[in-house]
C-alpha atoms as a PDB file:
ATOM      1  CA  MET A   1      -5.455 -17.380  10.307  1.00  0.00           C
ATOM      2  CA  SER A   2      -1.926 -17.094  11.676  1.00  0.00           C
ATOM      3  CA  ALA A   3       0.611 -14.621  10.329  1.00  0.00           C
ATOM      4  CA  VAL A   4       2.824 -15.707   7.453  1.00  0.00           C
ATOM      5  CA  ASP A   5       6.553 -15.134   7.040  1.00  0.00           C
ATOM      6  CA  VAL A   6       6.429 -12.535   4.281  1.00  0.00           C
ATOM      7  CA  HIS A   7       9.358 -12.005   1.936  1.00  0.00           C
ATOM      8  CA  HIS A   8      11.163  -8.797   2.785  1.00  0.00           C
ATOM      9  CA  VAL A   9      14.257  -6.757   1.946  1.00  0.00           C
ATOM     10  CA  VAL A  10      15.994  -4.421   4.398  1.00  0.00           C
ATOM     11  CA  SER A  11      18.243  -1.492   3.474  1.00  0.00           C
ATOM     12  CA  GLY A  12      19.641   1.603   5.133  1.00  0.00           C
ATOM     13  CA  PRO A  13      21.506   2.097   8.423  1.00  0.00           C
ATOM     14  CA  ALA A  14      20.866  -0.573  11.044  1.00  0.00           C
ATOM     15  CA  ASP A  15      20.516   2.026  13.802  1.00  0.00           C
ATOM     16  CA  ALA A  16      18.150   4.371  11.934  1.00  0.00           C
ATOM     17  CA  PRO A  17      14.399   4.661  12.560  1.00  0.00           C
ATOM     18  CA  VAL A  18      12.480   1.943  10.736  1.00  0.00           C
ATOM     19  CA  VAL A  19      10.012   2.586   7.924  1.00  0.00           C
ATOM     20  CA  VAL A  20       7.898  -0.261   6.528  1.00  0.00           C
ATOM     21  CA  LEU A  21       6.670  -0.007   2.921  1.00  0.00           C
ATOM     22  CA  SER A  22       3.494  -1.942   2.095  1.00  0.00           C
ATOM     23  CA  ASN A  23       2.582  -2.634  -1.534  1.00  0.00           C
ATOM     24  CA  SER A  24      -0.626  -2.386  -3.520  1.00  0.00           C
ATOM     25  CA  LEU A  25      -2.855  -5.139  -4.854  1.00  0.00           C
ATOM     26  CA  GLY A  26      -1.158  -6.841  -7.802  1.00  0.00           C
ATOM     27  CA  SER A  27       2.313  -5.421  -7.214  1.00  0.00           C
ATOM     28  CA  ASP A  28       5.299  -6.363  -5.077  1.00  0.00           C
ATOM     29  CA  LEU A  29       8.034  -4.612  -3.141  1.00  0.00           C
ATOM     30  CA  ARG A  30       9.590  -3.340  -6.389  1.00  0.00           C
ATOM     31  CA  MET A  31       6.827  -0.748  -6.601  1.00  0.00           C
ATOM     32  CA  TRP A  32       8.886   1.282  -4.099  1.00  0.00           C
ATOM     33  CA  ASP A  33      12.075   1.301  -6.196  1.00  0.00           C
ATOM     34  CA  ALA A  34      11.776   5.045  -6.810  1.00  0.00           C
ATOM     35  CA  GLN A  35      11.552   5.787  -3.075  1.00  0.00           C
ATOM     36  CA  GLU A  36      14.020   3.308  -1.584  1.00  0.00           C
ATOM     37  CA  PRO A  37      17.360   5.071  -2.276  1.00  0.00           C
ATOM     38  CA  ALA A  38      16.287   8.399  -0.768  1.00  0.00           C
ATOM     39  CA  LEU A  39      14.504   6.778   2.166  1.00  0.00           C
ATOM     40  CA  ALA A  40      17.546   4.614   2.914  1.00  0.00           C
ATOM     41  CA  GLU A  41      19.583   7.769   3.533  1.00  0.00           C
ATOM     42  CA  HIS A  42      17.387   8.502   6.554  1.00  0.00           C
ATOM     43  CA  PHE A  43      15.808   5.217   7.616  1.00  0.00           C
ATOM     44  CA  ARG A  44      16.157   1.487   7.957  1.00  0.00           C
ATOM     45  CA  VAL A  45      13.826   0.627   5.090  1.00  0.00           C
ATOM     46  CA  VAL A  46      11.805  -2.593   5.253  1.00  0.00           C
ATOM     47  CA  ARG A  47      10.055  -3.453   1.994  1.00  0.00           C
ATOM     48  CA  TYR A  48       7.932  -6.583   1.893  1.00  0.00           C
ATOM     49  CA  ASP A  49       5.606  -8.492  -0.407  1.00  0.00           C
ATOM     50  CA  THR A  50       2.059  -8.705   0.926  1.00  0.00           C
ATOM     51  CA  ARG A  51       0.935 -12.309   1.438  1.00  0.00           C
ATOM     52  CA  GLY A  52      -0.099 -13.868  -1.852  1.00  0.00           C
ATOM     53  CA  HIS A  53       2.129 -11.461  -3.788  1.00  0.00           C
ATOM     54  CA  GLY A  54       5.679 -11.470  -5.101  1.00  0.00           C
ATOM     55  CA  ARG A  55       7.864 -13.973  -3.275  1.00  0.00           C
ATOM     56  CA  SER A  56       5.694 -14.233  -0.163  1.00  0.00           C
ATOM     57  CA  PRO A  57       3.739 -17.387   0.665  1.00  0.00           C
ATOM     58  CA  VAL A  58       0.262 -17.860  -0.778  1.00  0.00           C
ATOM     59  CA  PRO A  59      -1.857 -19.308   2.028  1.00  0.00           C
ATOM     60  CA  ASP A  60      -5.338 -20.534   1.274  1.00  0.00           C
ATOM     61  CA  GLY A  61      -7.998 -17.856   1.643  1.00  0.00           C
ATOM     62  CA  PRO A  62     -10.025 -16.213   2.866  1.00  0.00           C
ATOM     63  CA  TYR A  63      -7.829 -13.445   4.241  1.00  0.00           C
ATOM     64  CA  THR A  64      -8.917 -10.448   6.288  1.00  0.00           C
ATOM     65  CA  ILE A  65      -7.418  -6.997   6.750  1.00  0.00           C
ATOM     66  CA  ASP A  66      -6.420  -8.141  10.244  1.00  0.00           C
ATOM     67  CA  ASP A  67      -4.440 -11.002   8.699  1.00  0.00           C
ATOM     68  CA  LEU A  68      -2.491  -8.498   6.615  1.00  0.00           C
ATOM     69  CA  ALA A  69      -1.864  -6.328   9.688  1.00  0.00           C
ATOM     70  CA  ASP A  70      -0.794  -9.418  11.638  1.00  0.00           C
ATOM     71  CA  ASP A  71       1.807 -10.144   8.960  1.00  0.00           C
ATOM     72  CA  VAL A  72       3.371  -6.714   9.529  1.00  0.00           C
ATOM     73  CA  VAL A  73       3.419  -7.195  13.308  1.00  0.00           C
ATOM     74  CA  ALA A  74       5.064 -10.591  12.861  1.00  0.00           C
ATOM     75  CA  LEU A  75       7.638  -9.077  10.511  1.00  0.00           C
ATOM     76  CA  LEU A  76       8.471  -6.327  12.996  1.00  0.00           C
ATOM     77  CA  ASP A  77       8.774  -8.922  15.748  1.00  0.00           C
ATOM     78  CA  ARG A  78      11.166 -11.035  13.666  1.00  0.00           C
ATOM     79  CA  LEU A  79      13.291  -7.956  13.013  1.00  0.00           C
ATOM     80  CA  GLY A  80      13.269  -6.959  16.682  1.00  0.00           C
ATOM     81  CA  VAL A  81      11.471  -3.685  15.953  1.00  0.00           C
ATOM     82  CA  ASP A  82       9.025  -2.388  18.538  1.00  0.00           C
ATOM     83  CA  ARG A  83       7.770   0.646  16.631  1.00  0.00           C
ATOM     84  CA  ALA A  84       8.018   1.807  13.015  1.00  0.00           C
ATOM     85  CA  HIS A  85       6.743   4.299  10.508  1.00  0.00           C
ATOM     86  CA  VAL A  86       4.368   2.691   8.001  1.00  0.00           C
ATOM     87  CA  VAL A  87       3.955   3.828   4.391  1.00  0.00           C
ATOM     88  CA  GLY A  88       1.339   1.998   2.347  1.00  0.00           C
ATOM     89  CA  LEU A  89      -0.371   2.448  -0.999  1.00  0.00           C
ATOM     90  CA  SER A  90      -3.844   1.147  -1.845  1.00  0.00           C
ATOM     91  CA  LEU A  91      -4.103  -2.261  -0.140  1.00  0.00           C
ATOM     92  CA  GLY A  92      -0.896  -1.369   1.696  1.00  0.00           C
ATOM     93  CA  GLY A  93      -2.506   1.831   2.928  1.00  0.00           C
ATOM     94  CA  MET A  94      -5.486  -0.134   4.191  1.00  0.00           C
ATOM     95  CA  THR A  95      -3.105  -2.458   6.027  1.00  0.00           C
ATOM     96  CA  GLY A  96      -1.313   0.527   7.535  1.00  0.00           C
ATOM     97  CA  MET A  97      -4.532   2.208   8.669  1.00  0.00           C
ATOM     98  CA  ARG A  98      -5.816  -0.964  10.315  1.00  0.00           C
ATOM     99  CA  LEU A  99      -2.492  -1.533  12.049  1.00  0.00           C
ATOM    100  CA  ALA A 100      -2.316   2.071  13.286  1.00  0.00           C
ATOM    101  CA  ALA A 101      -5.857   1.915  14.676  1.00  0.00           C
ATOM    102  CA  ARG A 102      -5.573  -1.551  16.194  1.00  0.00           C
ATOM    103  CA  ASP A 103      -1.978  -1.533  17.465  1.00  0.00           C
ATOM    104  CA  PRO A 104      -1.106   2.143  17.992  1.00  0.00           C
ATOM    105  CA  GLU A 105       1.973   1.278  20.026  1.00  0.00           C
ATOM    106  CA  ARG A 106       3.573  -0.261  16.919  1.00  0.00           C
ATOM    107  CA  VAL A 107       3.084   2.670  14.504  1.00  0.00           C
ATOM    108  CA  ASP A 108       4.997   5.928  14.883  1.00  0.00           C
ATOM    109  CA  ARG A 109       3.846   7.869  11.798  1.00  0.00           C
ATOM    110  CA  LEU A 110       1.654   6.808   8.896  1.00  0.00           C
ATOM    111  CA  VAL A 111       1.577   7.674   5.206  1.00  0.00           C
ATOM    112  CA  ALA A 112      -1.537   6.449   3.385  1.00  0.00           C
ATOM    113  CA  LEU A 113      -1.304   6.810  -0.388  1.00  0.00           C
ATOM    114  CA  CYS A 114      -4.035   6.314  -2.982  1.00  0.00           C
ATOM    115  CA  THR A 115      -6.214   4.281  -0.660  1.00  0.00           C
ATOM    116  CA  GLY A 116      -9.543   4.395   1.126  1.00  0.00           C
ATOM    117  CA  PRO A 117     -11.225   3.166   4.291  1.00  0.00           C
ATOM    118  CA  HIS A 118     -14.115   1.510   2.429  1.00  0.00           C
ATOM    119  CA  LEU A 119     -14.319   0.727  -1.290  1.00  0.00           C
ATOM    120  CA  ALA A 120     -17.848  -0.115  -2.387  1.00  0.00           C
ATOM    121  CA  PRO A 121     -19.474  -1.950  -3.997  1.00  0.00           C
ATOM    122  CA  ALA A 122     -18.134  -5.218  -2.659  1.00  0.00           C
ATOM    123  CA  SER A 123     -19.340  -6.964  -5.811  1.00  0.00           C
ATOM    124  CA  ALA A 124     -16.697  -5.162  -7.883  1.00  0.00           C
ATOM    125  CA  TRP A 125     -14.018  -6.920  -5.844  1.00  0.00           C
ATOM    126  CA  THR A 126     -15.675 -10.320  -5.578  1.00  0.00           C
ATOM    127  CA  ASP A 127     -16.332 -10.274  -9.332  1.00  0.00           C
ATOM    128  CA  ARG A 128     -12.671  -9.485 -10.001  1.00  0.00           C
ATOM    129  CA  ALA A 129     -11.640 -12.282  -7.640  1.00  0.00           C
ATOM    130  CA  ALA A 130     -13.840 -14.714  -9.574  1.00  0.00           C
ATOM    131  CA  THR A 131     -12.348 -13.585 -12.889  1.00  0.00           C
ATOM    132  CA  VAL A 132      -8.801 -14.059 -11.636  1.00  0.00           C
ATOM    133  CA  ARG A 133      -9.533 -17.503 -10.202  1.00  0.00           C
ATOM    134  CA  ALA A 134     -11.082 -18.557 -13.519  1.00  0.00           C
ATOM    135  CA  GLU A 135      -8.694 -16.892 -15.978  1.00  0.00           C
ATOM    136  CA  GLY A 136      -5.551 -15.920 -14.059  1.00  0.00           C
ATOM    137  CA  THR A 137      -4.089 -12.524 -13.220  1.00  0.00           C
ATOM    138  CA  ALA A 138      -2.980 -11.923 -16.811  1.00  0.00           C
ATOM    139  CA  ALA A 139      -6.662 -11.459 -17.675  1.00  0.00           C
ATOM    140  CA  VAL A 140      -6.842  -8.262 -15.612  1.00  0.00           C
ATOM    141  CA  ALA A 141      -3.280  -6.965 -16.063  1.00  0.00           C
ATOM    142  CA  GLU A 142      -3.979  -4.455 -18.834  1.00  0.00           C
ATOM    143  CA  ALA A 143      -6.962  -2.920 -17.036  1.00  0.00           C
ATOM    144  CA  VAL A 144      -5.113  -2.765 -13.712  1.00  0.00           C
ATOM    145  CA  VAL A 145      -2.082  -0.982 -15.146  1.00  0.00           C
ATOM    146  CA  GLY A 146      -4.434   1.357 -16.968  1.00  0.00           C
ATOM    147  CA  ARG A 147      -5.539   2.567 -13.537  1.00  0.00           C
ATOM    148  CA  TRP A 148      -2.011   2.718 -12.107  1.00  0.00           C
ATOM    149  CA  PHE A 149      -0.824   5.477 -14.465  1.00  0.00           C
ATOM    150  CA  THR A 150      -2.442   8.241 -16.488  1.00  0.00           C
ATOM    151  CA  PRO A 151      -3.006   7.486 -20.207  1.00  0.00           C
ATOM    152  CA  GLY A 152      -0.478  10.054 -21.362  1.00  0.00           C
ATOM    153  CA  TYR A 153       2.188   8.667 -19.062  1.00  0.00           C
ATOM    154  CA  LEU A 154       1.658   5.140 -20.366  1.00  0.00           C
ATOM    155  CA  GLU A 155       1.824   6.361 -23.956  1.00  0.00           C
ATOM    156  CA  ALA A 156       5.139   8.057 -23.226  1.00  0.00           C
ATOM    157  CA  HIS A 157       6.530   5.130 -21.208  1.00  0.00           C
ATOM    158  CA  PRO A 158       5.639   1.828 -22.923  1.00  0.00           C
ATOM    159  CA  ASP A 159       8.343   0.118 -20.874  1.00  0.00           C
ATOM    160  CA  VAL A 160       6.465   1.024 -17.697  1.00  0.00           C
ATOM    161  CA  ARG A 161       3.251  -0.429 -19.127  1.00  0.00           C
ATOM    162  CA  LYS A 162       5.016  -3.662 -20.083  1.00  0.00           C
ATOM    163  CA  ALA A 163       6.734  -4.045 -16.709  1.00  0.00           C
ATOM    164  CA  GLY A 164       3.550  -3.250 -14.814  1.00  0.00           C
ATOM    165  CA  GLU A 165       1.461  -5.738 -16.749  1.00  0.00           C
ATOM    166  CA  GLN A 166       4.110  -8.399 -16.183  1.00  0.00           C
ATOM    167  CA  MET A 167       4.127  -7.668 -12.444  1.00  0.00           C
ATOM    168  CA  VAL A 168       0.362  -8.120 -12.263  1.00  0.00           C
ATOM    169  CA  ALA A 169       0.459 -11.265 -14.405  1.00  0.00           C
ATOM    170  CA  ASP A 170       3.162 -12.733 -12.164  1.00  0.00           C
ATOM    171  CA  THR A 171       1.020 -12.280  -9.045  1.00  0.00           C
ATOM    172  CA  PRO A 172      -0.399 -15.645  -7.922  1.00  0.00           C
ATOM    173  CA  ALA A 173      -4.085 -15.889  -8.789  1.00  0.00           C
ATOM    174  CA  GLU A 174      -5.181 -17.100  -5.359  1.00  0.00           C
ATOM    175  CA  GLY A 175      -3.184 -14.402  -3.595  1.00  0.00           C
ATOM    176  CA  TYR A 176      -4.640 -11.679  -5.808  1.00  0.00           C
ATOM    177  CA  ALA A 177      -8.190 -13.020  -5.534  1.00  0.00           C
ATOM    178  CA  SER A 178      -8.034 -13.439  -1.767  1.00  0.00           C
ATOM    179  CA  CYS A 179      -6.774  -9.875  -1.375  1.00  0.00           C
ATOM    180  CA  CYS A 180      -9.640  -8.654  -3.575  1.00  0.00           C
ATOM    181  CA  GLU A 181     -11.914 -10.292  -1.027  1.00  0.00           C
ATOM    182  CA  VAL A 182     -10.085  -8.487   1.782  1.00  0.00           C
ATOM    183  CA  ILE A 183     -11.016  -5.186   0.142  1.00  0.00           C
ATOM    184  CA  ALA A 184     -14.597  -6.334  -0.460  1.00  0.00           C
ATOM    185  CA  ALA A 185     -15.095  -7.087   3.244  1.00  0.00           C
ATOM    186  CA  MET A 186     -13.065  -4.200   4.658  1.00  0.00           C
ATOM    187  CA  ASP A 187     -14.619  -1.186   6.359  1.00  0.00           C
ATOM    188  CA  LEU A 188     -12.189   1.021   8.268  1.00  0.00           C
ATOM    189  CA  ARG A 189     -14.383   4.100   8.569  1.00  0.00           C
ATOM    190  CA  ASP A 190     -14.827   3.647  12.319  1.00  0.00           C
ATOM    191  CA  ASP A 191     -11.083   3.035  12.692  1.00  0.00           C
ATOM    192  CA  LEU A 192     -10.041   6.437  11.389  1.00  0.00           C
ATOM    193  CA  PRO A 193     -10.750   8.480  14.554  1.00  0.00           C
ATOM    194  CA  ARG A 194      -8.726   5.948  16.553  1.00  0.00           C
ATOM    195  CA  ILE A 195      -5.541   6.465  14.537  1.00  0.00           C
ATOM    196  CA  ALA A 196      -3.189   8.350  16.858  1.00  0.00           C
ATOM    197  CA  ALA A 197      -0.188   8.347  14.529  1.00  0.00           C
ATOM    198  CA  PRO A 198       0.482  11.610  12.688  1.00  0.00           C
ATOM    199  CA  THR A 199      -0.793  10.805   9.208  1.00  0.00           C
ATOM    200  CA  LEU A 200      -0.124  12.081   5.709  1.00  0.00           C
ATOM    201  CA  ALA A 201      -2.835  11.165   3.199  1.00  0.00           C
ATOM    202  CA  ILE A 202      -1.608  11.400  -0.404  1.00  0.00           C
ATOM    203  CA  ALA A 203      -4.013  11.326  -3.347  1.00  0.00           C
ATOM    204  CA  GLY A 204      -3.337  11.107  -7.051  1.00  0.00           C
ATOM    205  CA  ALA A 205      -5.413  13.855  -8.637  1.00  0.00           C
ATOM    206  CA  ASP A 206      -6.261  11.576 -11.584  1.00  0.00           C
ATOM    207  CA  ASP A 207      -6.600   8.298  -9.668  1.00  0.00           C
ATOM    208  CA  PRO A 208      -9.638   6.376 -10.971  1.00  0.00           C
ATOM    209  CA  ALA A 209      -9.297   3.582  -8.396  1.00  0.00           C
ATOM    210  CA  THR A 210      -9.247   5.675  -5.209  1.00  0.00           C
ATOM    211  CA  PRO A 211     -10.184   9.234  -6.224  1.00  0.00           C
ATOM    212  CA  PRO A 212      -9.066  12.083  -3.965  1.00  0.00           C
ATOM    213  CA  TYR A 213     -12.298  12.138  -1.969  1.00  0.00           C
ATOM    214  CA  HIS A 214     -11.209   8.892  -0.289  1.00  0.00           C
ATOM    215  CA  LEU A 215      -8.052  10.577   0.968  1.00  0.00           C
ATOM    216  CA  GLU A 216     -10.015  13.679   1.943  1.00  0.00           C
ATOM    217  CA  ARG A 217     -12.156  11.437   4.141  1.00  0.00           C
ATOM    218  CA  ILE A 218      -9.049   9.989   5.784  1.00  0.00           C
ATOM    219  CA  ALA A 219      -7.493  13.404   6.356  1.00  0.00           C
ATOM    220  CA  SER A 220     -10.686  14.789   7.886  1.00  0.00           C
ATOM    221  CA  ALA A 221     -11.383  11.810  10.171  1.00  0.00           C
ATOM    222  CA  VAL A 222      -7.896  11.033  11.492  1.00  0.00           C
ATOM    223  CA  PRO A 223      -7.202  13.448  14.378  1.00  0.00           C
ATOM    224  CA  ASP A 224      -3.662  14.427  13.315  1.00  0.00           C
ATOM    225  CA  ALA A 225      -3.663  14.246   9.528  1.00  0.00           C
ATOM    226  CA  ARG A 226      -2.733  16.302   6.488  1.00  0.00           C
ATOM    227  CA  LEU A 227      -3.768  15.902   2.838  1.00  0.00           C
ATOM    228  CA  LEU A 228      -1.598  16.167  -0.254  1.00  0.00           C
ATOM    229  CA  VAL A 229      -3.189  15.919  -3.705  1.00  0.00           C
ATOM    230  CA  VAL A 230      -0.571  15.313  -6.395  1.00  0.00           C
ATOM    231  CA  PRO A 231      -1.348  16.551  -9.925  1.00  0.00           C
ATOM    232  CA  ASP A 232      -0.788  14.396 -13.006  1.00  0.00           C
ATOM    233  CA  SER A 233      -0.814  11.111 -11.134  1.00  0.00           C
ATOM    234  CA  ALA A 234      -3.094   8.098 -11.037  1.00  0.00           C
ATOM    235  CA  HIS A 235      -3.184   5.117  -8.665  1.00  0.00           C
ATOM    236  CA  LEU A 236       0.539   4.343  -8.420  1.00  0.00           C
ATOM    237  CA  ALA A 237       1.247   7.989  -7.769  1.00  0.00           C
ATOM    238  CA  ASN A 238       4.534   7.210  -6.024  1.00  0.00           C
ATOM    239  CA  ALA A 239       5.879   5.700  -9.256  1.00  0.00           C
ATOM    240  CA  GLN A 240       4.503   8.375 -11.590  1.00  0.00           C
ATOM    241  CA  GLN A 241       5.463  11.396  -9.466  1.00  0.00           C
ATOM    242  CA  PRO A 242       8.384  10.370  -7.221  1.00  0.00           C
ATOM    243  CA  GLY A 243       9.875  13.859  -7.417  1.00  0.00           C
ATOM    244  CA  THR A 244       6.908  15.186  -5.457  1.00  0.00           C
ATOM    245  CA  ILE A 245       5.971  12.211  -3.326  1.00  0.00           C
ATOM    246  CA  THR A 246       9.345  11.002  -2.056  1.00  0.00           C
ATOM    247  CA  PRO A 247      10.275  14.370  -0.475  1.00  0.00           C
ATOM    248  CA  ALA A 248       6.765  14.638   0.985  1.00  0.00           C
ATOM    249  CA  ILE A 249       7.148  11.248   2.661  1.00  0.00           C
ATOM    250  CA  ILE A 250      10.572  12.127   4.063  1.00  0.00           C
ATOM    251  CA  ASP A 251       9.331  15.495   5.310  1.00  0.00           C
ATOM    252  CA  HIS A 252       6.370  13.895   7.085  1.00  0.00           C
ATOM    253  CA  LEU A 253       8.501  11.228   8.745  1.00  0.00           C
ATOM    254  CA  THR A 254      11.239  13.608   9.878  1.00  0.00           C
ATOM    255  CA  ARG A 255       9.459  16.869  10.716  1.00  0.00           C
ATOM    256  CA  GLU A 256       9.274  17.958  14.336  1.00  0.00           C
ATOM    257  CA  GLN A 257       5.865  17.531  15.876  1.00  0.00           C
ATOM    258  CA  PRO A 258       4.342  20.579  17.617  1.00  0.00           C
END
């Protein structure tokens, strides 16, 4: 499958280093709203909607993790960017890891949040894809958002629950289902030792979707990697704990390498 022209928004100084932000399954580029202002002080920030999500095209499936990586390469090419930092969460982190392993010349530094190299069993993802194709994304919205944030946070922030469920429900069913199938088929475990980019793996301590051991595996297998486990955060840790995660991202992308 050829790359698609994904919807994207660019902010920050035109001459600054570029950072690409890649969203999770069922979200769109708005999931980075808490990070964008601070990042734009240091970087040219490129947020985009993964294919099948937000305002990006919804090509017919199946998709592969290489298709999602190809979309990022095509986006960088359209923007005239040879090399960029990549920050991705969940599905976005998988995309970033595959891109960094496959096309190391395109990725400067990598931040992989709340993600994993292999999420078994595959049937969990193919079953969810079947549900969404039959009933729509609204059928899974409540359960999905229940994994994005801790229960106490959702109780204290009903507006966040409502907005999150609407974001999931607005995701096209075929795009969501096809990306579930990407995760079902994906196995990046052999890719990890080939990632040359300095990598920060960030885990939400209370993430039920990708528990910290997934990020521990990434941090131990990638040659130049560090691990940060963030307390009181679930799957969308960047949204629940921006005060911890945003500075950690900026520090990783700007620190001098030994």
